[in-house]
Amino acid sequence: MDITEFYQTFFDEADELLADMEQHLLLLDPQNPDQEQLNAIFRSAHSIKGGAATFGFVKLQQTTHVLENLLDSARRHEMVLTDDIINLFLEAKDIMQQQLDAHKNSQEPDEETFNYICEKLRQLALEVKEEQSTQLGEGSDSVSLAESNAPTENITPVSAVHHTDDELSKENQPLATANTPNTDGLYQHHIILSDLKETDIDLMLDELKHLGEVSQVEKQHHGLEAVLKTTATQEDISAVLCFVIEPEQISFANVAATEEKVTSTDKTQEQAEHSPSSVTESIQPAAQTEQPATIEKNVAELNKNSQADEVTKVATTLPPTATPAPARKPVVAQAKTESTSIRVAVEKVDQLINLVGELVITQSMLAQHSDTLEPSIHSDLLSCIAQLQRNSRDLQESVMSIRMMPMEYVFSRFPRVVRDLAGKMHKKVELNMIGSSTELDKSLIEKIIDPLTHLVRNSLDHGIEMPADRIAAGKPEAGQLTLSAEHQGGNICIEVTDDGAGLNRERILKKAISSGLAVSENMSNEEVAMLIFAPGFSTAEVVTDVSGRGVGMDVVKRNIQEMGGQIQISF
């Protein structure tokens, strides 16, 4: 199996996860952060990291890893969130999107940008660690963010620890199992992969080697068992492997039992009794009467009889942290959530629409020819043709609805735009969105984004006043910007409304006269307003990087007209 076949799936899912991350970050109140939102942000980063590791997207994986550590600290309430920290998280999300886009184009992400964001995140991690040390003391057991100090860290540990059989027989402390790290900070997982294709066995082994040190490998017919020593948790491993195999093919067993299985084949009865305590407790009755080979057989029977539930794919939600299970009961992952949608290429949808169109034409031809038939003789045939006509119409409407997308796809972009621009202009703006469920054809949805973005930027720059000016005018300090969409007849009406200063009629007329445009004093407000769509027209006294150059509004009008739409302005 060629792993590159899964690239597009990862790209699509990562886009959705990044969009979800941004949405939750924008809704997050730093003064009173919502725990569910923090968990959702963390899960998104965690899932992206696992997928990036699978496909070898190192910079994306490492950026996400450093961010994930900080998000984990935030959701554990070990750091105090501020607007600046949320802005940094949003900036990291933007850079992750850039890195993802680079990989989509088979390019390497920008090295300078990667180093920049990792350094900023690292500095924040150091500040958090210093604050924890100040509050809890140098000898406290506060959670360490040391992992964040190295932006080039991978999921694979810097130095894996390897034990020989002799060393294992001398250890008396319990081995790390499930999601409990040992003194080296490493997890040990006994991984059981079942129902594998022959071509997937070596591929899965390679993937495990990328995550850490693999030992005690046992290749079976359509299966693989191995012990993995790594910094990754069971959820990390499942997220990585689920890009290649199904969740139900993955299960985890107790590592201590696995270690005992290996050592007992070459050790005497006395050595088995001195094995780690967690194993001794679970097999002590058998150890007194059975030979090591029998112990091995019993452990194998337990592994054989264990059943693995499914894990949730990276595309949905991350399963919660697993609890270590007893030695005789394998640790299994949570059940998978059934998906209610599938991804289909636009080309396939268009082909289906074209075929349905041909079917409707054929049905119309039959209907025309049926007019020449004698109803009393061909009543059954005419009834079938009428039924075909109804079915064809319903099919056409259903297929056409597949291309329809909610305006939420467009509106969801603007909370970030408004937040960033309002902060840059030192304005306070509240964004309201109405009619997000209103549907529009996919081709029009994509074309409406740029014109709508330009109108929103102009509204923020020219329409809504500074807080002090609004208060002086008797208005609330925060301006109101509203995006709405609704059906009107057979059309979609999209409105951008603000409660700002509005258009200045006299200034527009003065600028129009100086620009040589034909104007008159008897022009209505609507006619005056339409003058701002003239090429090069602007009443701004100061040119900013947002607006004021007189370019853009004429492009907005032209784009809307090319879509068969119209623009109306009222003030």
Protein backbone atom coordinates (compact mmCIF):
# COMPACT_ATOMS: atom_id res chain seq x y z
CA MET A 1 0.00 0.00 0.00
CA ASP A 2 1.35 3.40 -1.01
CA ILE A 3 0.96 5.79 1.91
CA THR A 4 0.84 8.77 -0.47
CA GLU A 5 -2.71 7.70 -1.33
CA PHE A 6 -3.74 9.04 2.06
CA TYR A 7 -2.15 12.47 1.62
CA GLN A 8 -5.32 14.16 0.38
CA THR A 9 -7.35 12.67 3.22
CA PHE A 10 -4.90 14.10 5.73
CA PHE A 11 -4.86 17.50 3.99
CA ASP A 12 -8.67 17.72 4.06
CA GLU A 13 -8.91 16.65 7.68
CA ALA A 14 -6.08 18.96 8.76
CA ASP A 15 -7.83 21.90 7.07
CA GLU A 16 -10.96 21.14 9.06
CA LEU A 17 -9.04 20.72 12.29
CA LEU A 18 -7.22 24.03 11.81
CA ALA A 19 -10.53 25.76 11.06
CA ASP A 20 -12.03 24.27 14.23
CA MET A 21 -8.97 25.35 16.21
CA GLU A 22 -9.31 28.93 15.00
CA GLN A 23 -13.03 29.01 15.72
CA HIS A 24 -12.57 27.84 19.30
CA LEU A 25 -9.65 30.22 19.88
CA LEU A 26 -11.76 33.15 18.71
CA LEU A 27 -14.59 32.17 21.06
CA LEU A 28 -12.24 31.63 24.00
CA ASP A 29 -12.60 34.13 26.83
CA PRO A 30 -9.16 34.55 28.45
CA GLN A 31 -10.77 35.79 31.67
CA ASN A 32 -13.02 32.74 31.98
CA PRO A 33 -11.84 30.06 29.53
CA ASP A 34 -14.30 27.29 28.75
CA GLN A 35 -12.87 23.85 29.51
CA GLU A 36 -14.59 22.17 26.56
CA GLN A 37 -13.16 24.75 24.16
CA LEU A 38 -9.67 24.25 25.59
CA ASN A 39 -10.02 20.49 25.21
CA ALA A 40 -11.27 20.87 21.63
CA ILE A 41 -8.32 23.10 20.71
CA PHE A 42 -5.90 20.62 22.24
CA ARG A 43 -7.51 17.67 20.42
CA SER A 44 -7.20 19.45 17.10
CA ALA A 45 -3.49 20.09 17.61
CA HIS A 46 -2.96 16.56 18.89
CA SER A 47 -4.63 15.02 15.84
CA ILE A 48 -2.69 17.17 13.38
CA LYS A 49 0.58 16.24 15.09
CA GLY A 50 -0.17 12.54 14.76
CA GLY A 51 -1.05 12.83 11.08
CA ALA A 52 1.98 14.99 10.30
CA ALA A 53 4.22 12.41 11.95
CA THR A 54 2.73 9.67 9.80
CA PHE A 55 3.56 11.39 6.55
CA GLY A 56 6.93 12.75 7.62
CA PHE A 57 5.91 16.42 7.65
CA VAL A 58 8.57 17.24 10.22
CA LYS A 59 8.21 21.02 10.56
CA LEU A 60 4.42 20.81 10.83
CA GLN A 61 4.72 18.03 13.39
CA GLN A 62 7.32 19.87 15.47
CA THR A 63 5.44 23.18 15.39
CA THR A 64 2.27 21.43 16.49
CA HIS A 65 4.14 19.52 19.18
CA VAL A 66 5.46 22.69 20.81
CA LEU A 67 2.03 24.33 20.56
CA GLU A 68 0.35 21.22 21.93
CA ASN A 69 2.46 21.34 25.10
CA LEU A 70 1.33 24.89 25.78
CA LEU A 71 -2.30 24.02 25.03
CA ASP A 72 -2.04 21.11 27.43
CA SER A 73 -0.72 23.45 30.10
CA ALA A 74 -3.61 25.84 29.40
CA ARG A 75 -6.30 23.18 29.66
CA ARG A 76 -4.77 21.97 32.94
CA HIS A 77 -4.99 25.56 34.20
CA GLU A 78 -1.23 25.71 34.72
CA MET A 79 -0.96 28.99 32.82
CA VAL A 80 -3.00 32.16 32.80
CA LEU A 81 -4.42 32.96 29.38
CA THR A 82 -4.28 36.49 28.02
CA ASP A 83 -5.26 38.13 24.76
CA ASP A 84 -1.58 38.16 23.73
CA ILE A 85 -1.27 34.42 24.33
CA ILE A 86 -4.41 33.72 22.30
CA ASN A 87 -3.00 35.94 19.54
CA LEU A 88 0.19 33.87 19.60
CA PHE A 89 -1.82 30.65 19.35
CA LEU A 90 -3.70 32.08 16.39
CA GLU A 91 -0.42 33.10 14.77
CA ALA A 92 0.89 29.57 15.28
CA LYS A 93 -2.27 28.21 13.69
CA ASP A 94 -1.72 30.48 10.64
CA ILE A 95 1.85 29.25 10.25
CA MET A 96 0.68 25.64 10.56
CA GLN A 97 -1.77 26.37 7.74
CA GLN A 98 1.09 27.77 5.65
CA GLN A 99 3.14 24.66 6.36
CA LEU A 100 0.22 22.44 5.38
CA ASP A 101 -0.30 24.41 2.14
CA ALA A 102 3.39 24.00 1.32
CA HIS A 103 3.10 20.23 1.67
CA LYS A 104 0.00 20.27 -0.54
CA ASN A 105 2.19 21.75 -3.26
CA SER A 106 5.01 19.24 -2.58
CA GLN A 107 7.18 22.02 -1.13
CA GLU A 108 9.10 22.36 2.11
CA PRO A 109 7.69 24.88 4.63
CA ASP A 110 9.64 28.08 5.15
CA GLU A 111 12.54 27.49 7.54
CA GLU A 112 12.67 31.07 8.84
CA THR A 113 8.98 31.14 9.69
CA PHE A 114 9.26 27.76 11.38
CA ASN A 115 12.15 28.90 13.58
CA TYR A 116 10.36 32.17 14.36
CA ILE A 117 7.14 30.62 15.68
CA CYS A 118 8.92 27.84 17.56
CA GLU A 119 11.13 30.39 19.29
CA LYS A 120 8.10 32.50 20.32
CA LEU A 121 6.31 29.43 21.64
CA ARG A 122 9.47 28.31 23.42
CA GLN A 123 9.81 31.68 25.11
CA LEU A 124 6.21 31.47 26.30
CA ALA A 125 6.87 27.98 27.63
CA LEU A 126 9.89 29.27 29.57
CA GLU A 127 7.82 32.09 31.02
CA VAL A 128 5.14 29.64 32.12
CA LYS A 129 7.74 27.38 33.69
CA GLU A 130 9.36 30.27 35.55
CA GLU A 131 5.97 31.40 36.82
CA GLN A 132 5.23 27.90 38.07
CA SER A 133 8.59 27.75 39.82
CA THR A 134 7.90 31.09 41.50
CA GLN A 135 4.46 30.02 42.70
CA LEU A 136 5.22 26.44 43.71
CA GLY A 137 8.91 26.61 44.61
CA GLU A 138 11.94 24.99 43.08
CA GLY A 139 11.19 21.59 44.62
CA SER A 140 7.54 21.39 43.61
CA ASP A 141 6.07 18.69 41.44
CA SER A 142 4.66 21.11 38.87
CA VAL A 143 4.15 19.87 35.36
CA SER A 144 7.27 20.51 33.27
CA LEU A 145 7.17 22.07 29.87
CA ALA A 146 10.73 21.09 29.09
CA GLU A 147 9.59 19.40 25.92
CA SER A 148 8.68 22.78 24.53
CA ASN A 149 12.21 24.09 24.87
CA ALA A 150 13.44 22.41 21.73
CA PRO A 151 11.54 23.33 18.57
CA THR A 152 13.28 20.56 16.65
CA GLU A 153 11.93 17.84 18.92
CA ASN A 154 10.21 14.91 17.24
CA ILE A 155 7.85 12.32 18.60
CA THR A 156 10.76 9.90 18.43
CA PRO A 157 12.72 10.20 21.72
CA VAL A 158 16.14 11.82 21.67
CA SER A 159 17.70 8.78 23.31
CA ALA A 160 15.83 5.51 23.54
CA VAL A 161 16.78 3.08 26.30
CA HIS A 162 17.55 -0.49 25.30
CA HIS A 163 17.59 -3.34 27.78
CA THR A 164 19.14 -6.75 27.21
CA ASP A 165 17.52 -9.89 28.59
CA ASP A 166 20.08 -9.96 31.42
CA GLU A 167 19.26 -6.37 32.38
CA LEU A 168 15.55 -7.12 32.38
CA SER A 169 16.04 -10.01 34.75
CA LYS A 170 17.87 -7.76 37.23
CA GLU A 171 15.23 -5.01 37.35
CA ASN A 172 12.94 -5.15 40.35
CA GLN A 173 10.87 -2.02 39.79
CA PRO A 174 7.57 -2.27 37.86
CA LEU A 175 7.78 -1.58 34.16
CA ALA A 176 5.84 1.29 32.60
CA THR A 177 2.49 0.16 31.27
CA ALA A 178 -0.39 1.76 29.39
CA ASN A 179 -0.12 5.56 29.69
CA THR A 180 2.21 5.72 32.70
CA PRO A 181 5.79 6.73 31.81
CA ASN A 182 8.76 5.19 33.58
CA THR A 183 11.61 7.08 35.24
CA ASP A 184 13.11 7.87 31.83
CA GLY A 185 9.94 9.64 30.76
CA LEU A 186 9.23 6.92 28.20
CA TYR A 187 6.14 4.81 27.69
CA GLN A 188 6.32 1.11 26.87
CA HIS A 189 3.44 -0.20 24.77
CA HIS A 190 2.70 -3.76 23.74
CA ILE A 191 0.99 -3.21 20.40
CA ILE A 192 -1.09 -5.88 18.68
CA LEU A 193 -2.02 -5.29 15.04
CA SER A 194 -4.38 -7.80 13.44
CA ASP A 195 -5.91 -8.56 10.03
CA LEU A 196 -3.05 -6.86 8.18
CA LYS A 197 -2.29 -7.27 4.53
CA GLU A 198 1.09 -8.82 3.88
CA THR A 199 2.24 -5.59 2.28
CA ASP A 200 1.19 -3.59 5.35
CA ILE A 201 3.18 -5.53 7.96
CA ASP A 202 6.56 -4.00 7.06
CA LEU A 203 4.93 -0.60 6.57
CA MET A 204 3.43 -0.70 10.07
CA LEU A 205 6.77 -1.76 11.52
CA ASP A 206 8.45 1.20 9.82
CA GLU A 207 5.80 3.56 11.23
CA LEU A 208 6.39 2.23 14.74
CA LYS A 209 10.15 2.72 14.35
CA HIS A 210 9.51 6.37 13.52
CA LEU A 211 7.77 6.73 16.89
CA GLY A 212 10.48 5.17 19.05
CA GLU A 213 12.48 2.03 19.79
CA VAL A 214 10.80 -1.20 18.68
CA SER A 215 11.67 -4.50 20.35
CA GLN A 216 10.29 -8.02 20.69
CA VAL A 217 8.86 -7.96 17.20
CA GLU A 218 6.77 -10.97 16.28
CA LYS A 219 5.46 -11.10 12.74
CA GLN A 220 2.46 -13.34 12.35
CA HIS A 221 0.22 -14.39 9.51
CA HIS A 222 -1.75 -11.19 8.83
CA GLY A 223 -0.62 -9.72 12.13
CA LEU A 224 2.16 -8.01 14.06
CA GLU A 225 3.07 -7.77 17.74
CA ALA A 226 5.78 -5.52 19.12
CA VAL A 227 6.85 -3.57 22.18
CA LEU A 228 7.40 0.13 21.52
CA LYS A 229 9.39 2.36 23.86
CA THR A 230 8.51 5.98 23.09
CA THR A 231 7.38 9.37 24.35
CA ALA A 232 4.10 8.87 22.48
CA THR A 233 0.91 7.83 24.28
CA GLN A 234 -1.52 5.18 23.09
CA GLU A 235 -3.66 7.93 21.57
CA ASP A 236 -0.65 9.23 19.58
CA ILE A 237 0.09 5.78 18.24
CA SER A 238 -3.52 5.08 17.30
CA ALA A 239 -3.82 8.44 15.53
CA VAL A 240 -0.72 7.66 13.46
CA LEU A 241 -1.61 4.08 12.56
CA CYS A 242 -5.24 4.87 11.75
CA PHE A 243 -4.13 6.74 8.64
CA VAL A 244 -3.14 3.36 7.17
CA ILE A 245 -5.23 0.69 8.87
CA GLU A 246 -8.62 0.56 10.53
CA PRO A 247 -9.03 1.35 14.26
CA GLU A 248 -10.41 -2.09 15.08
CA GLN A 249 -7.12 -3.63 13.93
CA ILE A 250 -5.24 -1.94 16.80
CA SER A 251 -5.13 -3.03 20.43
CA PHE A 252 -2.78 -2.62 23.38
CA ALA A 253 -1.82 -5.27 25.94
CA ASN A 254 0.02 -4.97 29.24
CA VAL A 255 3.74 -4.45 28.65
CA ALA A 256 4.76 -6.12 31.86
CA ALA A 257 3.15 -9.39 30.76
CA THR A 258 4.98 -9.13 27.45
CA GLU A 259 8.34 -8.56 29.12
CA GLU A 260 7.72 -11.59 31.34
CA LYS A 261 6.86 -13.67 28.29
CA VAL A 262 10.22 -12.93 26.68
CA THR A 263 12.41 -13.38 29.72
CA SER A 264 10.65 -16.47 31.04
CA THR A 265 11.54 -18.56 28.00
CA ASP A 266 15.22 -18.44 28.96
CA LYS A 267 14.94 -18.17 32.76
CA THR A 268 14.42 -20.71 35.52
CA GLN A 269 11.53 -20.97 37.95
CA GLU A 270 13.47 -18.92 40.49
CA GLN A 271 14.12 -16.10 38.01
CA ALA A 272 10.43 -15.98 37.11
CA GLU A 273 9.55 -15.48 40.77
CA HIS A 274 11.86 -12.41 40.87
CA SER A 275 10.24 -10.75 37.88
CA PRO A 276 8.54 -7.32 38.22
CA SER A 277 5.89 -7.21 40.92
CA SER A 278 3.02 -6.29 38.60
CA VAL A 279 3.64 -9.48 36.64
CA THR A 280 4.30 -11.65 39.70
CA GLU A 281 0.93 -10.80 41.19
CA SER A 282 -0.94 -11.75 38.04
CA ILE A 283 0.83 -15.06 37.32
CA GLN A 284 2.06 -16.14 40.75
CA PRO A 285 -0.18 -19.25 41.08
CA ALA A 286 0.90 -20.49 37.66
CA ALA A 287 4.57 -19.67 38.32
CA GLN A 288 4.67 -22.07 41.22
CA THR A 289 3.52 -25.04 39.18
CA GLU A 290 4.17 -24.30 35.53
CA GLN A 291 7.29 -24.09 33.44
CA PRO A 292 8.16 -20.86 31.57
CA ALA A 293 6.87 -22.36 28.34
CA THR A 294 3.45 -22.79 29.96
CA ILE A 295 3.50 -19.18 31.18
CA GLU A 296 4.28 -18.07 27.67
CA LYS A 297 1.37 -20.11 26.38
CA ASN A 298 -1.00 -18.56 28.90
CA VAL A 299 0.01 -15.03 27.98
CA ALA A 300 -0.40 -15.89 24.31
CA GLU A 301 -3.89 -17.25 25.05
CA LEU A 302 -4.83 -13.99 26.76
CA ASN A 303 -3.62 -12.00 23.80
CA LYS A 304 -5.44 -14.29 21.40
CA ASN A 305 -8.74 -14.09 23.24
CA SER A 306 -8.71 -10.34 23.77
CA GLN A 307 -10.99 -8.30 21.57
CA ALA A 308 -10.11 -4.78 20.46
CA ASP A 309 -12.70 -2.11 20.14
CA GLU A 310 -12.30 0.58 17.51
CA VAL A 311 -10.61 3.92 18.06
CA THR A 312 -11.92 7.18 16.78
CA LYS A 313 -10.16 8.32 13.63
CA VAL A 314 -8.13 11.42 13.59
CA ALA A 315 -10.82 12.95 11.45
CA THR A 316 -13.32 13.02 14.34
CA THR A 317 -12.48 13.11 18.02
CA LEU A 318 -9.58 11.86 19.94
CA PRO A 319 -10.36 9.07 22.39
CA PRO A 320 -9.87 10.00 26.03
CA THR A 321 -6.73 8.97 27.85
CA ALA A 322 -6.83 5.23 28.49
CA THR A 323 -6.57 3.85 32.03
CA PRO A 324 -3.96 1.12 32.67
CA ALA A 325 -5.65 -2.26 32.78
CA PRO A 326 -4.69 -5.35 34.80
CA ALA A 327 -2.04 -7.62 33.37
CA ARG A 328 -4.55 -10.26 32.26
CA LYS A 329 -6.80 -7.78 30.44
CA PRO A 330 -5.49 -5.88 27.39
CA VAL A 331 -6.00 -2.14 27.21
CA VAL A 332 -8.32 -1.36 24.35
CA ALA A 333 -9.35 1.90 22.73
CA GLN A 334 -12.72 3.55 22.66
CA ALA A 335 -15.40 2.69 20.12
CA LYS A 336 -15.38 4.51 16.83
CA THR A 337 -17.99 7.12 16.01
CA GLU A 338 -19.81 6.47 12.76
CA SER A 339 -19.30 9.17 10.14
CA THR A 340 -22.41 10.81 8.70
CA SER A 341 -20.77 12.25 5.60
CA ILE A 342 -18.30 11.35 2.89
CA ARG A 343 -15.95 13.38 0.71
CA VAL A 344 -16.62 13.38 -3.01
CA ALA A 345 -14.53 15.13 -5.66
CA VAL A 346 -16.24 18.09 -7.33
CA GLU A 347 -15.52 16.54 -10.73
CA LYS A 348 -17.63 13.52 -9.83
CA VAL A 349 -20.49 15.72 -8.66
CA ASP A 350 -20.35 17.73 -11.89
CA GLN A 351 -20.34 14.53 -13.93
CA LEU A 352 -23.39 13.29 -12.04
CA ILE A 353 -25.20 16.59 -12.62
CA ASN A 354 -24.44 16.40 -16.35
CA LEU A 355 -25.77 12.85 -16.55
CA VAL A 356 -28.94 13.82 -14.72
CA GLY A 357 -29.33 16.72 -17.15
CA GLU A 358 -29.13 14.30 -20.07
CA LEU A 359 -31.70 12.10 -18.37
CA VAL A 360 -34.09 15.03 -17.99
CA ILE A 361 -33.68 15.88 -21.68
CA THR A 362 -34.43 12.28 -22.64
CA GLN A 363 -37.49 12.29 -20.39
CA SER A 364 -38.72 15.50 -22.07
CA MET A 365 -38.33 13.88 -25.48
CA LEU A 366 -40.44 10.92 -24.34
CA ALA A 367 -43.06 13.28 -22.95
CA GLN A 368 -43.31 15.09 -26.32
CA HIS A 369 -43.72 11.84 -28.25
CA SER A 370 -46.32 10.62 -25.78
CA ASP A 371 -48.62 13.43 -26.88
CA THR A 372 -49.15 11.58 -30.15
CA LEU A 373 -50.35 8.41 -28.42
CA GLU A 374 -54.00 7.53 -27.93
CA PRO A 375 -54.69 7.66 -24.17
CA SER A 376 -57.33 4.94 -24.31
CA ILE A 377 -54.89 2.52 -25.90
CA HIS A 378 -51.61 3.46 -24.21
CA SER A 379 -52.84 4.46 -20.75
CA ASP A 380 -50.28 2.29 -18.93
CA LEU A 381 -47.38 3.66 -20.98
CA LEU A 382 -48.53 7.25 -20.45
CA SER A 383 -48.81 6.62 -16.71
CA CYS A 384 -45.23 5.34 -16.64
CA ILE A 385 -44.00 8.36 -18.60
CA ALA A 386 -45.73 10.70 -16.13
CA GLN A 387 -44.10 8.85 -13.22
CA LEU A 388 -40.72 9.10 -14.96
CA GLN A 389 -41.22 12.85 -15.30
CA ARG A 390 -41.87 13.23 -11.57
CA ASN A 391 -38.90 11.05 -10.63
CA SER A 392 -36.59 12.90 -13.02
CA ARG A 393 -37.59 16.25 -11.54
CA ASP A 394 -37.01 15.03 -7.96
CA LEU A 395 -33.67 13.51 -8.94
CA GLN A 396 -32.54 16.72 -10.61
CA GLU A 397 -33.44 18.81 -7.54
CA SER A 398 -31.65 16.38 -5.22
CA VAL A 399 -28.50 16.29 -7.32
CA MET A 400 -28.38 20.05 -7.70
CA SER A 401 -28.63 20.41 -3.92
CA ILE A 402 -25.35 18.48 -3.57
CA ARG A 403 -23.46 21.50 -4.92
CA MET A 404 -25.15 23.83 -2.46
CA MET A 405 -23.08 25.01 0.49
CA PRO A 406 -24.17 27.02 3.55
CA MET A 407 -23.09 30.63 3.89
CA GLU A 408 -21.45 29.57 7.12
CA TYR A 409 -18.52 28.48 4.93
CA VAL A 410 -18.03 32.17 4.05
CA PHE A 411 -19.12 33.78 7.32
CA SER A 412 -16.83 31.59 9.42
CA ARG A 413 -13.83 33.43 7.99
CA PHE A 414 -14.84 36.83 9.33
CA PRO A 415 -14.57 36.49 13.13
CA ARG A 416 -10.80 36.28 12.66
CA VAL A 417 -10.73 39.11 10.09
CA VAL A 418 -12.78 41.38 12.34
CA ARG A 419 -10.78 40.51 15.44
CA ASP A 420 -7.42 41.15 13.81
CA LEU A 421 -8.39 44.38 12.05
CA ALA A 422 -10.27 45.79 15.03
CA GLY A 423 -7.25 45.12 17.24
CA LYS A 424 -4.93 46.71 14.70
CA MET A 425 -7.12 49.83 14.47
CA HIS A 426 -7.73 49.93 18.25
CA LYS A 427 -11.46 49.68 17.72
CA LYS A 428 -14.01 47.56 19.50
CA VAL A 429 -16.32 45.67 17.18
CA GLU A 430 -18.95 43.00 17.75
CA LEU A 431 -19.67 40.76 14.77
CA ASN A 432 -23.16 39.37 14.24
CA MET A 433 -23.90 36.71 11.63
CA ILE A 434 -27.45 35.93 10.51
CA GLY A 435 -28.60 33.30 8.03
CA SER A 436 -25.46 31.15 8.11
CA SER A 437 -27.55 28.15 7.04
CA THR A 438 -28.66 29.86 3.81
CA GLU A 439 -27.31 27.82 0.92
CA LEU A 440 -25.59 28.98 -2.26
CA ASP A 441 -23.98 27.10 -5.14
CA LYS A 442 -20.38 26.13 -4.47
CA SER A 443 -19.06 28.11 -7.44
CA LEU A 444 -20.76 31.29 -6.20
CA ILE A 445 -19.68 30.65 -2.60
CA GLU A 446 -16.04 30.72 -3.68
CA LYS A 447 -16.49 33.85 -5.78
CA ILE A 448 -18.32 35.84 -3.10
CA ILE A 449 -15.54 35.57 -0.51
CA ASP A 450 -13.21 38.26 -1.90
CA PRO A 451 -15.88 40.94 -2.54
CA LEU A 452 -17.42 40.35 0.87
CA THR A 453 -14.02 40.55 2.56
CA HIS A 454 -13.34 43.91 0.93
CA LEU A 455 -16.70 45.29 2.08
CA VAL A 456 -16.05 44.14 5.65
CA ARG A 457 -12.60 45.73 5.70
CA ASN A 458 -13.99 49.01 4.39
CA SER A 459 -16.74 48.95 6.98
CA LEU A 460 -14.21 48.51 9.76
CA ASP A 461 -11.86 51.16 8.42
CA HIS A 462 -14.25 53.86 7.20
CA GLY A 463 -17.56 53.07 8.88
CA ILE A 464 -17.13 52.21 12.54
CA GLU A 465 -15.64 55.02 14.60
CA MET A 466 -13.00 54.97 17.30
CA PRO A 467 -14.35 54.12 20.80
CA ALA A 468 -13.87 57.66 22.10
CA ASP A 469 -15.73 59.15 19.12
CA ARG A 470 -18.59 56.69 19.54
CA ILE A 471 -18.95 57.50 23.22
CA ALA A 472 -18.91 61.24 22.42
CA ALA A 473 -21.69 60.64 19.88
CA GLY A 474 -23.78 58.79 22.46
CA LYS A 475 -23.16 55.37 20.95
CA PRO A 476 -21.99 52.20 22.66
CA GLU A 477 -18.22 51.85 22.77
CA ALA A 478 -18.31 48.69 20.65
CA GLY A 479 -19.48 49.02 17.09
CA GLN A 480 -21.88 46.53 15.55
CA LEU A 481 -21.06 44.79 12.27
CA THR A 482 -23.69 42.44 10.88
CA LEU A 483 -23.45 39.91 8.06
CA SER A 484 -26.73 38.41 6.92
CA ALA A 485 -27.94 36.14 4.13
CA GLU A 486 -31.47 35.24 3.16
CA HIS A 487 -33.56 34.08 0.23
CA GLN A 488 -35.60 36.74 -1.53
CA GLY A 489 -37.65 35.23 -4.29
CA GLY A 490 -35.28 33.24 -6.44
CA ASN A 491 -32.22 35.21 -5.32
CA ILE A 492 -29.89 35.31 -2.34
CA CYS A 493 -29.56 38.66 -0.57
CA ILE A 494 -26.30 39.16 1.35
CA GLU A 495 -26.03 42.29 3.49
CA VAL A 496 -23.13 43.99 5.26
CA THR A 497 -24.44 46.44 7.86
CA ASP A 498 -22.68 48.57 10.46
CA ASP A 499 -23.78 51.21 12.97
CA GLY A 500 -20.89 53.52 12.15
CA ALA A 501 -20.74 57.06 10.80
CA GLY A 502 -22.11 56.09 7.40
CA LEU A 503 -21.28 57.72 4.07
CA ASN A 504 -20.68 61.46 3.88
CA ARG A 505 -22.80 62.75 0.98
CA GLU A 506 -21.05 66.11 0.69
CA ARG A 507 -17.58 64.62 0.77
CA ILE A 508 -18.50 62.06 -1.91
CA LEU A 509 -19.92 64.75 -4.21
CA LYS A 510 -16.89 66.96 -3.68
CA LYS A 511 -14.51 64.11 -4.49
CA ALA A 512 -16.58 63.15 -7.54
CA ILE A 513 -16.46 66.69 -8.94
CA SER A 514 -12.68 66.89 -8.44
CA SER A 515 -12.34 63.54 -10.19
CA GLY A 516 -14.31 64.75 -13.21
CA LEU A 517 -17.36 62.55 -12.65
CA ALA A 518 -20.79 63.70 -13.81
CA VAL A 519 -22.82 64.64 -10.72
CA SER A 520 -25.74 66.88 -9.79
CA GLU A 521 -27.21 68.22 -6.58
CA ASN A 522 -30.47 66.43 -7.31
CA MET A 523 -28.95 62.96 -7.11
CA SER A 524 -30.57 60.61 -4.58
CA ASN A 525 -28.57 59.12 -1.74
CA GLU A 526 -28.52 55.78 -3.55
CA GLU A 527 -27.08 57.39 -6.69
CA VAL A 528 -24.47 59.26 -4.66
CA ALA A 529 -23.50 56.08 -2.87
CA MET A 530 -22.90 54.28 -6.17
CA LEU A 531 -20.17 56.81 -7.00
CA ILE A 532 -17.80 55.04 -4.62
CA PHE A 533 -17.62 52.16 -7.11
CA ALA A 534 -15.94 54.36 -9.70
CA PRO A 535 -12.32 53.29 -10.45
CA GLY A 536 -9.80 55.16 -8.29
CA PHE A 537 -12.48 56.75 -6.11
CA SER A 538 -11.73 57.26 -2.41
CA THR A 539 -12.66 59.89 0.16
CA ALA A 540 -10.08 58.70 2.68
CA GLU A 541 -7.74 61.43 3.84
CA VAL A 542 -5.10 58.94 4.96
CA VAL A 543 -4.02 55.90 2.99
CA THR A 544 -3.61 52.79 5.15
CA ASP A 545 -2.63 49.21 4.43
CA VAL A 546 -6.33 48.37 4.75
CA SER A 547 -7.95 50.86 2.40
CA GLY A 548 -7.82 54.38 1.02
CA ARG A 549 -6.07 53.85 -2.32
CA GLY A 550 -9.24 53.93 -4.40
CA VAL A 551 -8.87 50.42 -5.70
CA GLY A 552 -11.10 47.55 -4.80
CA MET A 553 -14.66 48.80 -4.80
CA ASP A 554 -14.83 48.85 -8.59
CA VAL A 555 -13.50 45.29 -8.56
CA VAL A 556 -16.16 44.34 -6.02
CA LYS A 557 -18.89 45.68 -8.29
CA ARG A 558 -17.48 43.95 -11.36
CA ASN A 559 -17.19 40.61 -9.56
CA ILE A 560 -20.75 40.80 -8.31
CA GLN A 561 -22.06 41.66 -11.76
CA GLU A 562 -20.14 38.77 -13.32
CA MET A 563 -22.03 36.46 -10.97
CA GLY A 564 -25.32 37.95 -12.21
CA GLY A 565 -25.80 39.99 -9.05
CA GLN A 566 -26.44 43.62 -8.17
CA ILE A 567 -25.18 45.99 -5.47
CA GLN A 568 -27.34 48.40 -3.53
CA ILE A 569 -26.21 50.86 -0.82
CA SER A 570 -28.35 52.72 1.66
CA PHE A 571 -27.29 55.20 4.34
